Amino acid sequence: MSIGGGARFRADGRTPGQMRPVSMTLDVQKWAAASCLIRMGDTHVLCAATVEDRIPPHLRGKGTGWVTAEYSMLPGATSERSQRESTKG
């Protein structure tokens, strides 16, 4: 939106180049090897790491490892309810 023909502002009053406040809280999950909660405005992201002492068969003996990632949004994370992955089959 534009106010008086001058600088543009976002709906919450911030200028286009102004970031939302950011915070990080470490070690938020008791059983994860490492975890953090990142907050940026109304966006909250939970990150967790686990470590397993094993590798896929095709990498054995090659001196390399394996990293995977998972992503999921809770059903109420957006204005339109999303379906949980576990119910998709």
PDB file of N, CA and C in Angstrom:
ATOM      1  N   MET A   1       0.850  -1.164   0.000  1.00  0.00           N
ATOM      2  CA  MET A   1       0.000   0.000   0.000  1.00  0.00           C
ATOM      3  C   MET A   1       0.890   1.217   0.000  1.00  0.00           C
ATOM      4  N   SER A   2       0.402   2.302  -0.523  1.00  0.00           N
ATOM      5  CA  SER A   2       1.175   3.532  -0.597  1.00  0.00           C
ATOM      6  C   SER A   2       0.503   4.574   0.278  1.00  0.00           C
ATOM      7  N   ILE A   3       1.292   5.306   1.027  1.00  0.00           N
ATOM      8  CA  ILE A   3       0.740   6.341   1.902  1.00  0.00           C
ATOM      9  C   ILE A   3       1.190   7.696   1.368  1.00  0.00           C
ATOM     10  N   GLY A   4       0.228   8.507   0.940  1.00  0.00           N
ATOM     11  CA  GLY A   4       0.523   9.849   0.454  1.00  0.00           C
ATOM     12  C   GLY A   4       1.465   9.903  -0.737  1.00  0.00           C
ATOM     13  N   GLY A   5       1.486   8.834  -1.544  1.00  0.00           N
ATOM     14  CA  GLY A   5       2.322   8.827  -2.727  1.00  0.00           C
ATOM     15  C   GLY A   5       3.806   8.648  -2.436  1.00  0.00           C
ATOM     16  N   GLY A   6       4.170   8.466  -1.168  1.00  0.00           N
ATOM     17  CA  GLY A   6       5.582   8.324  -0.798  1.00  0.00           C
ATOM     18  C   GLY A   6       5.997   6.870  -0.737  1.00  0.00           C
ATOM     19  N   ALA A   7       6.702   6.528   0.322  1.00  0.00           N
ATOM     20  CA  ALA A   7       7.229   5.168   0.488  1.00  0.00           C
ATOM     21  C   ALA A   7       6.095   4.160   0.604  1.00  0.00           C
ATOM     22  N   ARG A   8       6.356   2.956   0.139  1.00  0.00           N
ATOM     23  CA  ARG A   8       5.362   1.890   0.240  1.00  0.00           C
ATOM     24  C   ARG A   8       5.553   1.164   1.568  1.00  0.00           C
ATOM     25  N   PHE A   9       4.451   0.706   2.136  1.00  0.00           N
ATOM     26  CA  PHE A   9       4.483  -0.020   3.396  1.00  0.00           C
ATOM     27  C   PHE A   9       3.747  -1.335   3.249  1.00  0.00           C
ATOM     28  N   ARG A  10       4.136  -2.314   4.038  1.00  0.00           N
ATOM     29  CA  ARG A  10       3.425  -3.593   4.074  1.00  0.00           C
ATOM     30  C   ARG A  10       2.196  -3.434   4.957  1.00  0.00           C
ATOM     31  N   ALA A  11       1.318  -4.431   4.915  1.00  0.00           N
ATOM     32  CA  ALA A  11       0.069  -4.367   5.682  1.00  0.00           C
ATOM     33  C   ALA A  11       0.323  -4.185   7.179  1.00  0.00           C
ATOM     34  N   ASP A  12       1.453  -4.718   7.685  1.00  0.00           N
ATOM     35  CA  ASP A  12       1.739  -4.579   9.117  1.00  0.00           C
ATOM     36  C   ASP A  12       2.537  -3.316   9.442  1.00  0.00           C
ATOM     37  N   GLY A  13       2.736  -2.436   8.447  1.00  0.00           N
ATOM     38  CA  GLY A  13       3.406  -1.168   8.682  1.00  0.00           C
ATOM     39  C   GLY A  13       4.895  -1.160   8.385  1.00  0.00           C
ATOM     40  N   ARG A  14       5.489  -2.318   8.093  1.00  0.00           N
ATOM     41  CA  ARG A  14       6.914  -2.373   7.775  1.00  0.00           C
ATOM     42  C   ARG A  14       7.156  -1.854   6.365  1.00  0.00           C
ATOM     43  N   THR A  15       8.350  -1.310   6.144  1.00  0.00           N
ATOM     44  CA  THR A  15       8.736  -0.917   4.792  1.00  0.00           C
ATOM     45  C   THR A  15       9.134  -2.175   4.029  1.00  0.00           C
ATOM     46  N   PRO A  16       9.188  -2.126   2.692  1.00  0.00           N
ATOM     47  CA  PRO A  16       9.523  -3.328   1.916  1.00  0.00           C
ATOM     48  C   PRO A  16      10.859  -3.969   2.303  1.00  0.00           C
ATOM     49  N   GLY A  17      11.837  -3.187   2.707  1.00  0.00           N
ATOM     50  CA  GLY A  17      13.141  -3.739   3.059  1.00  0.00           C
ATOM     51  C   GLY A  17      13.304  -4.098   4.527  1.00  0.00           C
ATOM     52  N   GLN A  18      12.277  -3.873   5.320  1.00  0.00           N
ATOM     53  CA  GLN A  18      12.370  -4.114   6.766  1.00  0.00           C
ATOM     54  C   GLN A  18      11.955  -5.545   7.103  1.00  0.00           C
ATOM     55  N   MET A  19      12.834  -6.256   7.816  1.00  0.00           N
ATOM     56  CA  MET A  19      12.540  -7.641   8.207  1.00  0.00           C
ATOM     57  C   MET A  19      11.651  -7.690   9.442  1.00  0.00           C
ATOM     58  N   ARG A  20      10.957  -8.802   9.583  1.00  0.00           N
ATOM     59  CA  ARG A  20      10.241  -9.070  10.823  1.00  0.00           C
ATOM     60  C   ARG A  20      11.275  -9.411  11.897  1.00  0.00           C
ATOM     61  N   PRO A  21      10.927  -9.267  13.178  1.00  0.00           N
ATOM     62  CA  PRO A  21      11.854  -9.688  14.231  1.00  0.00           C
ATOM     63  C   PRO A  21      12.134 -11.189  14.114  1.00  0.00           C
ATOM     64  N   VAL A  22      13.391 -11.579  14.296  1.00  0.00           N
ATOM     65  CA  VAL A  22      13.805 -12.977  14.195  1.00  0.00           C
ATOM     66  C   VAL A  22      14.358 -13.418  15.541  1.00  0.00           C
ATOM     67  N   SER A  23      13.954 -14.624  15.982  1.00  0.00           N
ATOM     68  CA  SER A  23      14.532 -15.189  17.202  1.00  0.00           C
ATOM     69  C   SER A  23      14.782 -16.674  16.998  1.00  0.00           C
ATOM     70  N   MET A  24      15.780 -17.186  17.704  1.00  0.00           N
ATOM     71  CA  MET A  24      16.106 -18.613  17.660  1.00  0.00           C
ATOM     72  C   MET A  24      16.258 -19.113  19.090  1.00  0.00           C
ATOM     73  N   THR A  25      15.611 -20.235  19.375  1.00  0.00           N
ATOM     74  CA  THR A  25      15.741 -20.887  20.672  1.00  0.00           C
ATOM     75  C   THR A  25      16.352 -22.255  20.428  1.00  0.00           C
ATOM     76  N   LEU A  26      17.479 -22.528  21.058  1.00  0.00           N
ATOM     77  CA  LEU A  26      18.192 -23.787  20.848  1.00  0.00           C
ATOM     78  C   LEU A  26      17.733 -24.875  21.814  1.00  0.00           C
ATOM     79  N   ASP A  27      17.954 -26.115  21.415  1.00  0.00           N
ATOM     80  CA  ASP A  27      17.687 -27.299  22.256  1.00  0.00           C
ATOM     81  C   ASP A  27      16.252 -27.340  22.783  1.00  0.00           C
ATOM     82  N   VAL A  28      15.288 -27.228  21.877  1.00  0.00           N
ATOM     83  CA  VAL A  28      13.881 -27.230  22.283  1.00  0.00           C
ATOM     84  C   VAL A  28      13.277 -28.630  22.348  1.00  0.00           C
ATOM     85  N   GLN A  29      13.928 -29.617  21.756  1.00  0.00           N
ATOM     86  CA  GLN A  29      13.444 -30.998  21.822  1.00  0.00           C
ATOM     87  C   GLN A  29      14.395 -31.822  22.674  1.00  0.00           C
ATOM     88  N   LYS A  30      13.831 -32.473  23.670  1.00  0.00           N
ATOM     89  CA  LYS A  30      14.627 -33.204  24.651  1.00  0.00           C
ATOM     90  C   LYS A  30      15.438 -34.344  24.043  1.00  0.00           C
ATOM     91  N   TRP A  31      14.876 -35.097  23.099  1.00  0.00           N
ATOM     92  CA  TRP A  31      15.522 -36.314  22.620  1.00  0.00           C
ATOM     93  C   TRP A  31      16.261 -36.164  21.297  1.00  0.00           C
ATOM     94  N   ALA A  32      16.217 -35.017  20.661  1.00  0.00           N
ATOM     95  CA  ALA A  32      16.944 -34.810  19.399  1.00  0.00           C
ATOM     96  C   ALA A  32      18.419 -34.538  19.687  1.00  0.00           C
ATOM     97  N   ALA A  33      19.299 -34.919  18.764  1.00  0.00           N
ATOM     98  CA  ALA A  33      20.727 -34.621  18.917  1.00  0.00           C
ATOM     99  C   ALA A  33      20.959 -33.109  18.929  1.00  0.00           C
ATOM    100  N   ALA A  34      20.164 -32.390  18.160  1.00  0.00           N
ATOM    101  CA  ALA A  34      20.199 -30.926  18.134  1.00  0.00           C
ATOM    102  C   ALA A  34      18.840 -30.443  17.652  1.00  0.00           C
ATOM    103  N   SER A  35      18.401 -29.299  18.154  1.00  0.00           N
ATOM    104  CA  SER A  35      17.120 -28.754  17.709  1.00  0.00           C
ATOM    105  C   SER A  35      17.088 -27.253  17.959  1.00  0.00           C
ATOM    106  N   CYS A  36      16.222 -26.571  17.203  1.00  0.00           N
ATOM    107  CA  CYS A  36      16.014 -25.145  17.441  1.00  0.00           C
ATOM    108  C   CYS A  36      14.630 -24.750  16.937  1.00  0.00           C
ATOM    109  N   LEU A  37      14.102 -23.709  17.526  1.00  0.00           N
ATOM    110  CA  LEU A  37      12.841 -23.118  17.100  1.00  0.00           C
ATOM    111  C   LEU A  37      13.179 -21.733  16.570  1.00  0.00           C
ATOM    112  N   ILE A  38      12.849 -21.498  15.299  1.00  0.00           N
ATOM    113  CA  ILE A  38      13.120 -20.212  14.662  1.00  0.00           C
ATOM    114  C   ILE A  38      11.786 -19.497  14.499  1.00  0.00           C
ATOM    115  N   ARG A  39      11.735 -18.252  14.944  1.00  0.00           N
ATOM    116  CA  ARG A  39      10.512 -17.451  14.814  1.00  0.00           C
ATOM    117  C   ARG A  39      10.834 -16.202  13.994  1.00  0.00           C
ATOM    118  N   MET A  40       9.954 -15.941  13.020  1.00  0.00           N
ATOM    119  CA  MET A  40      10.071 -14.737  12.197  1.00  0.00           C
ATOM    120  C   MET A  40       8.653 -14.248  11.953  1.00  0.00           C
ATOM    121  N   GLY A  41       8.205 -13.293  12.757  1.00  0.00           N
ATOM    122  CA  GLY A  41       6.812 -12.870  12.705  1.00  0.00           C
ATOM    123  C   GLY A  41       5.912 -14.016  13.127  1.00  0.00           C
ATOM    124  N   ASP A  42       4.883 -14.297  12.323  1.00  0.00           N
ATOM    125  CA  ASP A  42       3.965 -15.398  12.627  1.00  0.00           C
ATOM    126  C   ASP A  42       4.462 -16.743  12.113  1.00  0.00           C
ATOM    127  N   THR A  43       5.626 -16.771  11.499  1.00  0.00           N
ATOM    128  CA  THR A  43       6.187 -18.018  10.988  1.00  0.00           C
ATOM    129  C   THR A  43       7.097 -18.630  12.043  1.00  0.00           C
ATOM    130  N   HIS A  44       6.792 -19.866  12.444  1.00  0.00           N
ATOM    131  CA  HIS A  44       7.601 -20.598  13.418  1.00  0.00           C
ATOM    132  C   HIS A  44       8.068 -21.883  12.754  1.00  0.00           C
ATOM    133  N   VAL A  45       9.365 -22.142  12.797  1.00  0.00           N
ATOM    134  CA  VAL A  45       9.939 -23.330  12.171  1.00  0.00           C
ATOM    135  C   VAL A  45      10.683 -24.131  13.230  1.00  0.00           C
ATOM    136  N   LEU A  46      10.318 -25.397  13.360  1.00  0.00           N
ATOM    137  CA  LEU A  46      10.990 -26.298  14.285  1.00  0.00           C
ATOM    138  C   LEU A  46      11.956 -27.162  13.487  1.00  0.00           C
ATOM    139  N   CYS A  47      13.226 -27.121  13.843  1.00  0.00           N
ATOM    140  CA  CYS A  47      14.257 -27.911  13.169  1.00  0.00           C
ATOM    141  C   CYS A  47      14.841 -28.892  14.174  1.00  0.00           C
ATOM    142  N   ALA A  48      15.007 -30.128  13.756  1.00  0.00           N
ATOM    143  CA  ALA A  48      15.590 -31.138  14.639  1.00  0.00           C
ATOM    144  C   ALA A  48      16.514 -32.038  13.838  1.00  0.00           C
ATOM    145  N   ALA A  49      17.576 -32.485  14.480  1.00  0.00           N
ATOM    146  CA  ALA A  49      18.536 -33.386  13.836  1.00  0.00           C
ATOM    147  C   ALA A  49      18.666 -34.657  14.661  1.00  0.00           C
ATOM    148  N   THR A  50      18.731 -35.769  13.964  1.00  0.00           N
ATOM    149  CA  THR A  50      19.030 -37.045  14.606  1.00  0.00           C
ATOM    150  C   THR A  50      20.243 -37.638  13.904  1.00  0.00           C
ATOM    151  N   VAL A  51      20.959 -38.464  14.614  1.00  0.00           N
ATOM    152  CA  VAL A  51      22.163 -39.077  14.061  1.00  0.00           C
ATOM    153  C   VAL A  51      22.049 -40.583  14.220  1.00  0.00           C
ATOM    154  N   GLU A  52      22.281 -41.293  13.138  1.00  0.00           N
ATOM    155  CA  GLU A  52      22.279 -42.757  13.175  1.00  0.00           C
ATOM    156  C   GLU A  52      23.635 -43.250  12.702  1.00  0.00           C
ATOM    157  N   ASP A  53      24.150 -44.251  13.357  1.00  0.00           N
ATOM    158  CA  ASP A  53      25.459 -44.801  13.008  1.00  0.00           C
ATOM    159  C   ASP A  53      25.299 -45.920  11.984  1.00  0.00           C
ATOM    160  N   ARG A  54      24.743 -45.563  10.822  1.00  0.00           N
ATOM    161  CA  ARG A  54      24.584 -46.537   9.741  1.00  0.00           C
ATOM    162  C   ARG A  54      24.470 -45.774   8.424  1.00  0.00           C
ATOM    163  N   ILE A  55      24.731 -46.460   7.338  1.00  0.00           N
ATOM    164  CA  ILE A  55      24.614 -45.857   6.012  1.00  0.00           C
ATOM    165  C   ILE A  55      23.914 -46.841   5.083  1.00  0.00           C
ATOM    166  N   PRO A  56      23.359 -46.355   3.968  1.00  0.00           N
ATOM    167  CA  PRO A  56      22.710 -47.255   3.016  1.00  0.00           C
ATOM    168  C   PRO A  56      23.719 -48.252   2.431  1.00  0.00           C
ATOM    169  N   PRO A  57      23.266 -49.444   2.079  1.00  0.00           N
ATOM    170  CA  PRO A  57      24.168 -50.477   1.541  1.00  0.00           C
ATOM    171  C   PRO A  57      25.016 -50.008   0.359  1.00  0.00           C
ATOM    172  N   HIS A  58      24.458 -49.186  -0.524  1.00  0.00           N
ATOM    173  CA  HIS A  58      25.219 -48.767  -1.711  1.00  0.00           C
ATOM    174  C   HIS A  58      26.373 -47.808  -1.389  1.00  0.00           C
ATOM    175  N   LEU A  59      26.453 -47.297  -0.144  1.00  0.00           N
ATOM    176  CA  LEU A  59      27.544 -46.397   0.231  1.00  0.00           C
ATOM    177  C   LEU A  59      28.579 -47.052   1.142  1.00  0.00           C
ATOM    178  N   ARG A  60      28.344 -48.277   1.555  1.00  0.00           N
ATOM    179  CA  ARG A  60      29.270 -48.945   2.477  1.00  0.00           C
ATOM    180  C   ARG A  60      30.660 -49.058   1.874  1.00  0.00           C
ATOM    181  N   GLY A  61      31.670 -48.742   2.704  1.00  0.00           N
ATOM    182  CA  GLY A  61      33.057 -48.854   2.288  1.00  0.00           C
ATOM    183  C   GLY A  61      33.549 -47.732   1.397  1.00  0.00           C
ATOM    184  N   LYS A  62      32.744 -46.714   1.154  1.00  0.00           N
ATOM    185  CA  LYS A  62      33.136 -45.619   0.257  1.00  0.00           C
ATOM    186  C   LYS A  62      33.601 -44.371   1.011  1.00  0.00           C
ATOM    187  N   GLY A  63      33.539 -44.406   2.343  1.00  0.00           N
ATOM    188  CA  GLY A  63      33.999 -43.263   3.134  1.00  0.00           C
ATOM    189  C   GLY A  63      33.102 -42.048   3.053  1.00  0.00           C
ATOM    190  N   THR A  64      31.835 -42.252   2.713  1.00  0.00           N
ATOM    191  CA  THR A  64      30.891 -41.137   2.641  1.00  0.00           C
ATOM    192  C   THR A  64      29.717 -41.406   3.566  1.00  0.00           C
ATOM    193  N   GLY A  65      28.871 -40.428   3.707  1.00  0.00           N
ATOM    194  CA  GLY A  65      27.695 -40.565   4.564  1.00  0.00           C
ATOM    195  C   GLY A  65      26.423 -40.267   3.804  1.00  0.00           C
ATOM    196  N   TRP A  66      25.358 -40.036   4.552  1.00  0.00           N
ATOM    197  CA  TRP A  66      24.050 -39.856   3.954  1.00  0.00           C
ATOM    198  C   TRP A  66      23.276 -38.826   4.761  1.00  0.00           C
ATOM    199  N   VAL A  67      22.664 -37.860   4.100  1.00  0.00           N
ATOM    200  CA  VAL A  67      21.850 -36.848   4.766  1.00  0.00           C
ATOM    201  C   VAL A  67      20.479 -36.856   4.117  1.00  0.00           C
ATOM    202  N   THR A  68      19.428 -36.858   4.928  1.00  0.00           N
ATOM    203  CA  THR A  68      18.065 -36.749   4.407  1.00  0.00           C
ATOM    204  C   THR A  68      17.354 -35.614   5.130  1.00  0.00           C
ATOM    205  N   ALA A  69      16.270 -35.147   4.553  1.00  0.00           N
ATOM    206  CA  ALA A  69      15.486 -34.079   5.164  1.00  0.00           C
ATOM    207  C   ALA A  69      14.011 -34.379   4.982  1.00  0.00           C
ATOM    208  N   GLU A  70      13.217 -33.937   5.934  1.00  0.00           N
ATOM    209  CA  GLU A  70      11.761 -34.070   5.857  1.00  0.00           C
ATOM    210  C   GLU A  70      11.145 -32.705   6.111  1.00  0.00           C
ATOM    211  N   TYR A  71      10.019 -32.459   5.481  1.00  0.00           N
ATOM    212  CA  TYR A  71       9.325 -31.182   5.598  1.00  0.00           C
ATOM    213  C   TYR A  71       7.842 -31.464   5.795  1.00  0.00           C
ATOM    214  N   SER A  72       7.237 -30.757   6.713  1.00  0.00           N
ATOM    215  CA  SER A  72       5.807 -30.953   6.923  1.00  0.00           C
ATOM    216  C   SER A  72       5.198 -29.695   7.528  1.00  0.00           C
ATOM    217  N   MET A  73       3.989 -29.376   7.089  1.00  0.00           N
ATOM    218  CA  MET A  73       3.244 -28.269   7.680  1.00  0.00           C
ATOM    219  C   MET A  73       2.055 -28.846   8.423  1.00  0.00           C
ATOM    220  N   LEU A  74       1.789 -28.328   9.605  1.00  0.00           N
ATOM    221  CA  LEU A  74       0.638 -28.782  10.375  1.00  0.00           C
ATOM    222  C   LEU A  74      -0.648 -28.349   9.681  1.00  0.00           C
ATOM    223  N   PRO A  75      -1.734 -29.088   9.885  1.00  0.00           N
ATOM    224  CA  PRO A  75      -2.994 -28.777   9.194  1.00  0.00           C
ATOM    225  C   PRO A  75      -3.474 -27.342   9.370  1.00  0.00           C
ATOM    226  N   GLY A  76      -3.226 -26.705  10.492  1.00  0.00           N
ATOM    227  CA  GLY A  76      -3.684 -25.335  10.717  1.00  0.00           C
ATOM    228  C   GLY A  76      -2.623 -24.289  10.441  1.00  0.00           C
ATOM    229  N   ALA A  77      -1.556 -24.629   9.723  1.00  0.00           N
ATOM    230  CA  ALA A  77      -0.447 -23.702   9.492  1.00  0.00           C
ATOM    231  C   ALA A  77      -0.782 -22.602   8.491  1.00  0.00           C
ATOM    232  N   THR A  78      -1.803 -22.807   7.663  1.00  0.00           N
ATOM    233  CA  THR A  78      -2.200 -21.812   6.673  1.00  0.00           C
ATOM    234  C   THR A  78      -3.687 -21.523   6.820  1.00  0.00           C
ATOM    235  N   SER A  79      -4.169 -20.495   6.132  1.00  0.00           N
ATOM    236  CA  SER A  79      -5.581 -20.127   6.259  1.00  0.00           C
ATOM    237  C   SER A  79      -6.506 -21.225   5.736  1.00  0.00           C
ATOM    238  N   GLU A  80      -6.037 -21.979   4.738  1.00  0.00           N
ATOM    239  CA  GLU A  80      -6.812 -23.119   4.236  1.00  0.00           C
ATOM    240  C   GLU A  80      -6.208 -24.392   4.809  1.00  0.00           C
ATOM    241  N   ARG A  81      -7.012 -25.201   5.475  1.00  0.00           N
ATOM    242  CA  ARG A  81      -6.500 -26.384   6.171  1.00  0.00           C
ATOM    243  C   ARG A  81      -5.867 -27.363   5.190  1.00  0.00           C
ATOM    244  N   SER A  82      -4.651 -27.794   5.503  1.00  0.00           N
ATOM    245  CA  SER A  82      -3.970 -28.783   4.674  1.00  0.00           C
ATOM    246  C   SER A  82      -4.141 -30.166   5.286  1.00  0.00           C
ATOM    247  N   GLN A  83      -4.076 -31.179   4.446  1.00  0.00           N
ATOM    248  CA  GLN A  83      -4.226 -32.559   4.899  1.00  0.00           C
ATOM    249  C   GLN A  83      -2.893 -33.065   5.434  1.00  0.00           C
ATOM    250  N   ARG A  84      -2.924 -33.826   6.529  1.00  0.00           N
ATOM    251  CA  ARG A  84      -1.701 -34.418   7.074  1.00  0.00           C
ATOM    252  C   ARG A  84      -1.169 -35.458   6.105  1.00  0.00           C
ATOM    253  N   GLU A  85       0.166 -35.503   5.961  1.00  0.00           N
ATOM    254  CA  GLU A  85       0.786 -36.480   5.067  1.00  0.00           C
ATOM    255  C   GLU A  85       0.447 -37.901   5.476  1.00  0.00           C
ATOM    256  N   SER A  86       0.350 -38.164   6.777  1.00  0.00           N
ATOM    257  CA  SER A  86       0.117 -39.525   7.259  1.00  0.00           C
ATOM    258  C   SER A  86      -1.251 -40.062   6.850  1.00  0.00           C
ATOM    259  N   THR A  87      -2.181 -39.183   6.475  1.00  0.00           N
ATOM    260  CA  THR A  87      -3.511 -39.644   6.065  1.00  0.00           C
ATOM    261  C   THR A  87      -3.613 -39.862   4.561  1.00  0.00           C
ATOM    262  N   LYS A  88      -2.574 -39.510   3.814  1.00  0.00           N
ATOM    263  CA  LYS A  88      -2.614 -39.640   2.356  1.00  0.00           C
ATOM    264  C   LYS A  88      -2.328 -41.055   1.886  1.00  0.00           C
ATOM    265  N   GLY A  89      -1.729 -41.867   2.754  1.00  0.00           N
ATOM    266  CA  GLY A  89      -1.461 -43.264   2.413  1.00  0.00           C
ATOM    267  C   GLY A  89      -0.237 -43.401   1.672  1.00  0.00           C
TER     268      GLY A  89
END
